PDB file of N, CA and C in Angstrom:
ATOM      1  N   MET A   1      86.272  87.892  84.474  1.00  0.00           N
ATOM      2  CA  MET A   1      86.301  88.832  83.393  1.00  0.00           C
ATOM      3  C   MET A   1      86.597  88.917  82.304  1.00  0.00           C
ATOM      4  N   GLY A   2      85.750  89.139  80.716  1.00  0.00           N
ATOM      5  CA  GLY A   2      85.465  89.572  79.502  1.00  0.00           C
ATOM      6  C   GLY A   2      86.717  89.423  78.686  1.00  0.00           C
ATOM      7  N   LYS A   3      86.430  89.140  77.571  1.00  0.00           N
ATOM      8  CA  LYS A   3      87.480  89.807  76.947  1.00  0.00           C
ATOM      9  C   LYS A   3      87.735  91.379  76.625  1.00  0.00           C
ATOM     10  N   THR A   4      89.308  91.000  76.856  1.00  0.00           N
ATOM     11  CA  THR A   4      90.011  92.569  76.441  1.00  0.00           C
ATOM     12  C   THR A   4      90.238  92.790  75.336  1.00  0.00           C
ATOM     13  N   ASN A   5      90.223  91.721  73.959  1.00  0.00           N
ATOM     14  CA  ASN A   5      90.609  92.376  72.587  1.00  0.00           C
ATOM     15  C   ASN A   5      91.709  92.961  72.529  1.00  0.00           C
ATOM     16  N   GLY A   6      93.234  92.287  73.252  1.00  0.00           N
ATOM     17  CA  GLY A   6      94.322  92.646  73.115  1.00  0.00           C
ATOM     18  C   GLY A   6      94.482  94.020  74.022  1.00  0.00           C
ATOM     19  N   ARG A   7      93.768  94.379  74.660  1.00  0.00           N
ATOM     20  CA  ARG A   7      93.976  95.521  75.236  1.00  0.00           C
ATOM     21  C   ARG A   7      94.609  95.491  76.706  1.00  0.00           C
ATOM     22  N   LYS A   8      95.102  96.522  76.830  1.00  0.00           N
ATOM     23  CA  LYS A   8      96.269  96.385  78.330  1.00  0.00           C
ATOM     24  C   LYS A   8      95.370  96.427  79.183  1.00  0.00           C
ATOM     25  N   VAL A   9      95.868  95.636  80.474  1.00  0.00           N
ATOM     26  CA  VAL A   9      94.726  95.978  81.775  1.00  0.00           C
ATOM     27  C   VAL A   9      95.647  96.505  83.157  1.00  0.00           C
ATOM     28  N   ARG A  10      95.086  97.527  83.941  1.00  0.00           N
ATOM     29  CA  ARG A  10      95.978  97.501  85.497  1.00  0.00           C
ATOM     30  C   ARG A  10      94.881  97.892  86.230  1.00  0.00           C
ATOM     31  N   TYR A  11      95.636  97.265  87.412  1.00  0.00           N
ATOM     32  CA  TYR A  11      94.869  97.140  88.275  1.00  0.00           C
ATOM     33  C   TYR A  11      95.817  98.587  89.060  1.00  0.00           C
ATOM     34  N   GLY A  12      94.546  99.282  90.002  1.00  0.00           N
ATOM     35  CA  GLY A  12      95.286 100.846  90.520  1.00  0.00           C
ATOM     36  C   GLY A  12      94.271 101.224  91.569  1.00  0.00           C
ATOM     37  N   THR A  13      94.286 102.515  92.185  1.00  0.00           N
ATOM     38  CA  THR A  13      94.346 103.498  93.599  1.00  0.00           C
ATOM     39  C   THR A  13      93.755 104.225  92.836  1.00  0.00           C
ATOM     40  N   VAL A  14      93.108 104.688  93.296  1.00  0.00           N
ATOM     41  CA  VAL A  14      92.547 106.420  93.022  1.00  0.00           C
ATOM     42  C   VAL A  14      92.981 107.172  93.420  1.00  0.00           C
ATOM     43  N   VAL A  15      93.791 108.128  93.190  1.00  0.00           N
ATOM     44  CA  VAL A  15      94.584 109.460  94.133  1.00  0.00           C
ATOM     45  C   VAL A  15      93.855 110.641  94.095  1.00  0.00           C
ATOM     46  N   SER A  16      92.770 110.494  93.057  1.00  0.00           N
ATOM     47  CA  SER A  16      92.472 112.167  92.698  1.00  0.00           C
ATOM     48  C   SER A  16      90.880 111.654  91.372  1.00  0.00           C
ATOM     49  N   ASP A  17      89.930 112.733  92.022  1.00  0.00           N
ATOM     50  CA  ASP A  17      88.784 112.397  91.418  1.00  0.00           C
ATOM     51  C   ASP A  17      88.198 114.013  91.272  1.00  0.00           C
ATOM     52  N   LYS A  18      88.881 114.726  90.787  1.00  0.00           N
ATOM     53  CA  LYS A  18      88.719 116.282  91.010  1.00  0.00           C
ATOM     54  C   LYS A  18      88.173 117.003  89.605  1.00  0.00           C
ATOM     55  N   MET A  19      88.669 116.356  88.754  1.00  0.00           N
ATOM     56  CA  MET A  19      88.375 116.523  87.485  1.00  0.00           C
ATOM     57  C   MET A  19      86.913 115.878  86.850  1.00  0.00           C
ATOM     58  N   GLU A  20      86.342 116.685  86.087  1.00  0.00           N
ATOM     59  CA  GLU A  20      84.991 116.124  85.538  1.00  0.00           C
ATOM     60  C   GLU A  20      85.185 115.026  84.533  1.00  0.00           C
ATOM     61  N   LYS A  21      84.980 114.311  84.784  1.00  0.00           N
ATOM     62  CA  LYS A  21      84.199 112.384  84.325  1.00  0.00           C
ATOM     63  C   LYS A  21      85.898 111.775  84.125  1.00  0.00           C
ATOM     64  N   THR A  22      87.165 112.417  84.783  1.00  0.00           N
ATOM     65  CA  THR A  22      88.615 111.633  85.022  1.00  0.00           C
ATOM     66  C   THR A  22      89.037 111.843  86.473  1.00  0.00           C
ATOM     67  N   ILE A  23      89.715 110.561  86.572  1.00  0.00           N
ATOM     68  CA  ILE A  23      90.069 109.867  87.438  1.00  0.00           C
ATOM     69  C   ILE A  23      91.446 109.700  87.560  1.00  0.00           C
ATOM     70  N   VAL A  24      92.591 109.803  88.235  1.00  0.00           N
ATOM     71  CA  VAL A  24      93.954 109.620  88.441  1.00  0.00           C
ATOM     72  C   VAL A  24      94.572 108.482  89.128  1.00  0.00           C
ATOM     73  N   VAL A  25      94.624 107.476  88.478  1.00  0.00           N
ATOM     74  CA  VAL A  25      95.036 105.990  89.497  1.00  0.00           C
ATOM     75  C   VAL A  25      96.254 105.851  89.431  1.00  0.00           C
ATOM     76  N   GLU A  26      96.629 104.940  90.649  1.00  0.00           N
ATOM     77  CA  GLU A  26      98.621 104.912  91.004  1.00  0.00           C
ATOM     78  C   GLU A  26      98.147 103.609  91.044  1.00  0.00           C
ATOM     79  N   VAL A  27      99.040 103.145  89.789  1.00  0.00           N
ATOM     80  CA  VAL A  27      99.444 101.604  89.401  1.00  0.00           C
ATOM     81  C   VAL A  27     100.939 101.274  89.914  1.00  0.00           C
ATOM     82  N   GLN A  28     101.027 100.132  90.748  1.00  0.00           N
ATOM     83  CA  GLN A  28     102.435  99.900  91.662  1.00  0.00           C
ATOM     84  C   GLN A  28     102.961  99.019  90.497  1.00  0.00           C
ATOM     85  N   SER A  29     104.271  98.575  90.603  1.00  0.00           N
ATOM     86  CA  SER A  29     104.938  97.360  89.770  1.00  0.00           C
ATOM     87  C   SER A  29     105.685  97.122  90.362  1.00  0.00           C
ATOM     88  N   ILE A  30     106.332  95.495  90.426  1.00  0.00           N
ATOM     89  CA  ILE A  30     107.608  95.493  91.275  1.00  0.00           C
ATOM     90  C   ILE A  30     108.919  95.217  90.050  1.00  0.00           C
ATOM     91  N   VAL A  31     109.641  95.640  89.769  1.00  0.00           N
ATOM     92  CA  VAL A  31     110.716  95.472  88.819  1.00  0.00           C
ATOM     93  C   VAL A  31     112.099  94.936  89.982  1.00  0.00           C
ATOM     94  N   ARG A  32     112.848  94.437  88.819  1.00  0.00           N
ATOM     95  CA  ARG A  32     114.053  94.088  89.662  1.00  0.00           C
ATOM     96  C   ARG A  32     115.120  94.999  88.631  1.00  0.00           C
ATOM     97  N   HIS A  33     116.377  95.606  89.843  1.00  0.00           N
ATOM     98  CA  HIS A  33     117.013  96.728  89.478  1.00  0.00           C
ATOM     99  C   HIS A  33     117.696  95.508  88.527  1.00  0.00           C
ATOM    100  N   PRO A  34     118.435  96.679  87.619  1.00  0.00           N
ATOM    101  CA  PRO A  34     119.007  95.274  86.422  1.00  0.00           C
ATOM    102  C   PRO A  34     120.617  94.961  86.928  1.00  0.00           C
ATOM    103  N   LEU A  35     121.590  96.042  87.630  1.00  0.00           N
ATOM    104  CA  LEU A  35     122.943  95.895  88.262  1.00  0.00           C
ATOM    105  C   LEU A  35     122.173  94.762  89.360  1.00  0.00           C
ATOM    106  N   TYR A  36     121.960  95.527  90.534  1.00  0.00           N
ATOM    107  CA  TYR A  36     121.860  95.128  91.793  1.00  0.00           C
ATOM    108  C   TYR A  36     120.814  93.575  92.329  1.00  0.00           C
ATOM    109  N   LYS A  37     119.875  93.528  91.039  1.00  0.00           N
ATOM    110  CA  LYS A  37     119.032  92.421  91.578  1.00  0.00           C
ATOM    111  C   LYS A  37     117.962  92.951  92.671  1.00  0.00           C
ATOM    112  N   ARG A  38     118.134  93.146  93.156  1.00  0.00           N
ATOM    113  CA  ARG A  38     116.559  94.076  94.205  1.00  0.00           C
ATOM    114  C   ARG A  38     116.292  94.756  93.422  1.00  0.00           C
ATOM    115  N   THR A  39     114.767  94.176  94.451  1.00  0.00           N
ATOM    116  CA  THR A  39     112.868  93.821  93.753  1.00  0.00           C
ATOM    117  C   THR A  39     112.610  95.746  94.305  1.00  0.00           C
ATOM    118  N   MET A  40     112.201  96.890  93.434  1.00  0.00           N
ATOM    119  CA  MET A  40     111.830  98.068  93.588  1.00  0.00           C
ATOM    120  C   MET A  40     110.666  98.542  93.169  1.00  0.00           C
ATOM    121  N   LYS A  41     109.330  98.803  94.372  1.00  0.00           N
ATOM    122  CA  LYS A  41     108.620  99.416  93.674  1.00  0.00           C
ATOM    123  C   LYS A  41     108.588 100.531  92.681  1.00  0.00           C
ATOM    124  N   ARG A  42     107.342 100.841  91.717  1.00  0.00           N
ATOM    125  CA  ARG A  42     107.776 101.878  91.096  1.00  0.00           C
ATOM    126  C   ARG A  42     106.261 102.299  90.702  1.00  0.00           C
ATOM    127  N   THR A  43     105.848 103.823  90.832  1.00  0.00           N
ATOM    128  CA  THR A  43     104.315 103.797  90.833  1.00  0.00           C
ATOM    129  C   THR A  43     104.373 104.599  89.646  1.00  0.00           C
ATOM    130  N   THR A  44     103.181 104.517  88.713  1.00  0.00           N
ATOM    131  CA  THR A  44     102.537 105.787  87.767  1.00  0.00           C
ATOM    132  C   THR A  44     101.616 105.867  88.053  1.00  0.00           C
ATOM    133  N   LYS A  45     100.867 107.251  87.613  1.00  0.00           N
ATOM    134  CA  LYS A  45      99.910 107.850  87.716  1.00  0.00           C
ATOM    135  C   LYS A  45      99.403 107.983  85.896  1.00  0.00           C
ATOM    136  N   LEU A  46      98.190 107.408  85.666  1.00  0.00           N
ATOM    137  CA  LEU A  46      97.260 107.356  84.700  1.00  0.00           C
ATOM    138  C   LEU A  46      96.146 107.938  84.933  1.00  0.00           C
ATOM    139  N   LYS A  47      96.029 108.684  83.704  1.00  0.00           N
ATOM    140  CA  LYS A  47      94.477 109.633  83.829  1.00  0.00           C
ATOM    141  C   LYS A  47      93.737 108.946  82.850  1.00  0.00           C
ATOM    142  N   ALA A  48      92.315 108.472  84.010  1.00  0.00           N
ATOM    143  CA  ALA A  48      91.397 107.769  83.193  1.00  0.00           C
ATOM    144  C   ALA A  48      90.050 107.890  82.825  1.00  0.00           C
ATOM    145  N   HIS A  49      88.951 107.907  81.507  1.00  0.00           N
ATOM    146  CA  HIS A  49      88.141 108.401  82.091  1.00  0.00           C
ATOM    147  C   HIS A  49      86.814 107.748  82.730  1.00  0.00           C
ATOM    148  N   ASP A  50      86.051 108.012  83.429  1.00  0.00           N
ATOM    149  CA  ASP A  50      84.722 107.855  84.589  1.00  0.00           C
ATOM    150  C   ASP A  50      83.760 108.404  83.795  1.00  0.00           C
ATOM    151  N   GLU A  51      83.133 107.825  83.075  1.00  0.00           N
ATOM    152  CA  GLU A  51      81.807 108.794  81.945  1.00  0.00           C
ATOM    153  C   GLU A  51      80.961 108.962  83.729  1.00  0.00           C
ATOM    154  N   ASN A  52      80.578 108.484  84.582  1.00  0.00           N
ATOM    155  CA  ASN A  52      79.392 108.913  85.907  1.00  0.00           C
ATOM    156  C   ASN A  52      79.967 109.541  86.865  1.00  0.00           C
ATOM    157  N   ASN A  53      81.678 109.552  87.157  1.00  0.00           N
ATOM    158  CA  ASN A  53      81.915 110.271  88.005  1.00  0.00           C
ATOM    159  C   ASN A  53      81.434 109.932  89.199  1.00  0.00           C
ATOM    160  N   SER A  54      80.840 107.608  88.809  1.00  0.00           N
ATOM    161  CA  SER A  54      81.114 107.340  89.950  1.00  0.00           C
ATOM    162  C   SER A  54      82.524 106.590  91.045  1.00  0.00           C
ATOM    163  N   CYS A  55      83.798 106.847  90.677  1.00  0.00           N
ATOM    164  CA  CYS A  55      85.318 106.669  91.614  1.00  0.00           C
ATOM    165  C   CYS A  55      85.164 108.048  92.666  1.00  0.00           C
ATOM    166  N   ARG A  56      85.878 107.059  93.720  1.00  0.00           N
ATOM    167  CA  ARG A  56      86.061 108.580  95.062  1.00  0.00           C
ATOM    168  C   ARG A  56      87.399 108.048  95.107  1.00  0.00           C
ATOM    169  N   ILE A  57      88.417 108.773  96.018  1.00  0.00           N
ATOM    170  CA  ILE A  57      89.682 108.732  96.427  1.00  0.00           C
ATOM    171  C   ILE A  57      90.108 107.810  97.304  1.00  0.00           C
ATOM    172  N   GLY A  58      90.815 106.513  97.014  1.00  0.00           N
ATOM    173  CA  GLY A  58      91.077 105.293  97.956  1.00  0.00           C
ATOM    174  C   GLY A  58      90.135 104.237  97.125  1.00  0.00           C
ATOM    175  N   ASP A  59      89.395 103.789  96.274  1.00  0.00           N
ATOM    176  CA  ASP A  59      89.095 103.345  95.337  1.00  0.00           C
ATOM    177  C   ASP A  59      90.062 102.300  94.630  1.00  0.00           C
ATOM    178  N   ARG A  60      89.700 100.862  94.728  1.00  0.00           N
ATOM    179  CA  ARG A  60      90.703 100.093  93.737  1.00  0.00           C
ATOM    180  C   ARG A  60      90.210  99.829  92.360  1.00  0.00           C
ATOM    181  N   VAL A  61      90.727 100.042  91.718  1.00  0.00           N
ATOM    182  CA  VAL A  61      89.943 100.039  90.099  1.00  0.00           C
ATOM    183  C   VAL A  61      90.248  99.342  89.157  1.00  0.00           C
ATOM    184  N   LYS A  62      89.737  99.033  87.925  1.00  0.00           N
ATOM    185  CA  LYS A  62      90.542  98.182  87.068  1.00  0.00           C
ATOM    186  C   LYS A  62      90.216  99.149  85.832  1.00  0.00           C
ATOM    187  N   VAL A  63      91.366 100.052  85.003  1.00  0.00           N
ATOM    188  CA  VAL A  63      91.645  99.844  83.956  1.00  0.00           C
ATOM    189  C   VAL A  63      91.914  99.156  82.703  1.00  0.00           C
ATOM    190  N   VAL A  64      91.224  99.579  81.364  1.00  0.00           N
ATOM    191  CA  VAL A  64      91.681  99.198  80.223  1.00  0.00           C
ATOM    192  C   VAL A  64      92.240 100.511  79.162  1.00  0.00           C
ATOM    193  N   SER A  65      93.216 100.114  78.182  1.00  0.00           N
ATOM    194  CA  SER A  65      93.791 101.220  77.702  1.00  0.00           C
ATOM    195  C   SER A  65      92.975 101.379  76.263  1.00  0.00           C
ATOM    196  N   THR A  66      92.480 102.493  75.813  1.00  0.00           N
ATOM    197  CA  THR A  66      91.819 103.044  74.802  1.00  0.00           C
ATOM    198  C   THR A  66      92.598 103.857  73.476  1.00  0.00           C
ATOM    199  N   ARG A  67      91.609 104.603  72.922  1.00  0.00           N
ATOM    200  CA  ARG A  67      91.981 104.924  71.683  1.00  0.00           C
ATOM    201  C   ARG A  67      92.287 107.000  73.017  1.00  0.00           C
ATOM    202  N   PRO A  68      93.738 107.401  72.551  1.00  0.00           N
ATOM    203  CA  PRO A  68      93.048 108.926  73.115  1.00  0.00           C
ATOM    204  C   PRO A  68      92.137 109.611  73.013  1.00  0.00           C
ATOM    205  N   LEU A  69      91.474 109.922  74.580  1.00  0.00           N
ATOM    206  CA  LEU A  69      90.148 111.049  74.572  1.00  0.00           C
ATOM    207  C   LEU A  69      90.861 111.918  74.582  1.00  0.00           C
ATOM    208  N   SER A  70      91.990 112.529  75.444  1.00  0.00           N
ATOM    209  CA  SER A  70      92.149 114.180  75.588  1.00  0.00           C
ATOM    210  C   SER A  70      93.674 113.464  75.410  1.00  0.00           C
ATOM    211  N   LYS A  71      94.573 114.749  76.220  1.00  0.00           N
ATOM    212  CA  LYS A  71      95.983 115.108  75.216  1.00  0.00           C
ATOM    213  C   LYS A  71      96.485 114.250  76.395  1.00  0.00           C
ATOM    214  N   SER A  72      96.288 113.576  77.705  1.00  0.00           N
ATOM    215  CA  SER A  72      97.175 113.153  78.574  1.00  0.00           C
ATOM    216  C   SER A  72      95.896 111.691  79.333  1.00  0.00           C
ATOM    217  N   LYS A  73      94.671 111.393  78.150  1.00  0.00           N
ATOM    218  CA  LYS A  73      93.175 110.443  78.947  1.00  0.00           C
ATOM    219  C   LYS A  73      93.663 109.299  78.124  1.00  0.00           C
ATOM    220  N   ARG A  74      94.392 107.933  78.182  1.00  0.00           N
ATOM    221  CA  ARG A  74      94.695 106.807  77.089  1.00  0.00           C
ATOM    222  C   ARG A  74      94.083 106.010  77.996  1.00  0.00           C
ATOM    223  N   TRP A  75      93.112 105.928  78.692  1.00  0.00           N
ATOM    224  CA  TRP A  75      92.847 104.892  79.734  1.00  0.00           C
ATOM    225  C   TRP A  75      91.250 104.648  79.896  1.00  0.00           C
ATOM    226  N   ARG A  76      90.630 103.943  80.322  1.00  0.00           N
ATOM    227  CA  ARG A  76      89.212 103.949  80.487  1.00  0.00           C
ATOM    228  C   ARG A  76      88.685 103.428  82.067  1.00  0.00           C
ATOM    229  N   LEU A  77      87.944 103.587  82.583  1.00  0.00           N
ATOM    230  CA  LEU A  77      87.315 102.734  84.186  1.00  0.00           C
ATOM    231  C   LEU A  77      86.372 101.561  83.658  1.00  0.00           C
ATOM    232  N   ALA A  78      87.398 100.503  83.706  1.00  0.00           N
ATOM    233  CA  ALA A  78      86.457  99.225  83.392  1.00  0.00           C
ATOM    234  C   ALA A  78      85.513  98.775  84.348  1.00  0.00           C
ATOM    235  N   GLN A  79      85.981  98.533  85.898  1.00  0.00           N
ATOM    236  CA  GLN A  79      85.501  98.197  87.089  1.00  0.00           C
ATOM    237  C   GLN A  79      85.678  98.734  88.146  1.00  0.00           C
ATOM    238  N   ILE A  80      85.050  98.973  89.799  1.00  0.00           N
ATOM    239  CA  ILE A  80      85.395  99.563  90.663  1.00  0.00           C
ATOM    240  C   ILE A  80      85.380  97.812  90.988  1.00  0.00           C
ATOM    241  N   ILE A  81      86.396  97.361  91.926  1.00  0.00           N
ATOM    242  CA  ILE A  81      86.990  96.116  92.194  1.00  0.00           C
ATOM    243  C   ILE A  81      86.635  96.496  93.879  1.00  0.00           C
ATOM    244  N   GLN A  82      86.789  97.243  94.548  1.00  0.00           N
ATOM    245  CA  GLN A  82      86.928  97.746  95.609  1.00  0.00           C
ATOM    246  C   GLN A  82      86.603  99.153  95.861  1.00  0.00           C
ATOM    247  N   LYS A  83      85.214  99.581  96.866  1.00  0.00           N
ATOM    248  CA  LYS A  83      85.356 100.476  96.927  1.00  0.00           C
ATOM    249  C   LYS A  83      85.908 101.107  98.548  1.00  0.00           C
ATOM    250  N   ALA A  84      86.375 102.639  98.636  1.00  0.00           N
ATOM    251  CA  ALA A  84      87.016 103.262  99.702  1.00  0.00           C
ATOM    252  C   ALA A  84      86.194 103.001 101.076  1.00  0.00           C
ATOM    253  N   LYS A  85      86.573 102.879 101.739  1.00  0.00           N
ATOM    254  CA  LYS A  85      86.082 103.105 103.065  1.00  0.00           C
ATOM    255  C   LYS A  85      85.407 104.436 103.648  1.00  0.00           C
TER     256      LYS A  85
END
């Protein structure tokens, strides 16, 4: 993996590719509940820029933070880790 220059990196699954040059990536994180100390899964949906429309639903991808590209796009596709079956 190359240098990220201090950019945030997230790994997730593509859940939507219906927009032009945009994908929606679902990122899961595991956090502990502050009071009950039980681990919980939290999911976040990020919109990411996909210049070549190369991603499909179900792909595992790596996204990195970037400057604001639109009202809701703050991420861009860095790499497709695994293609969907």
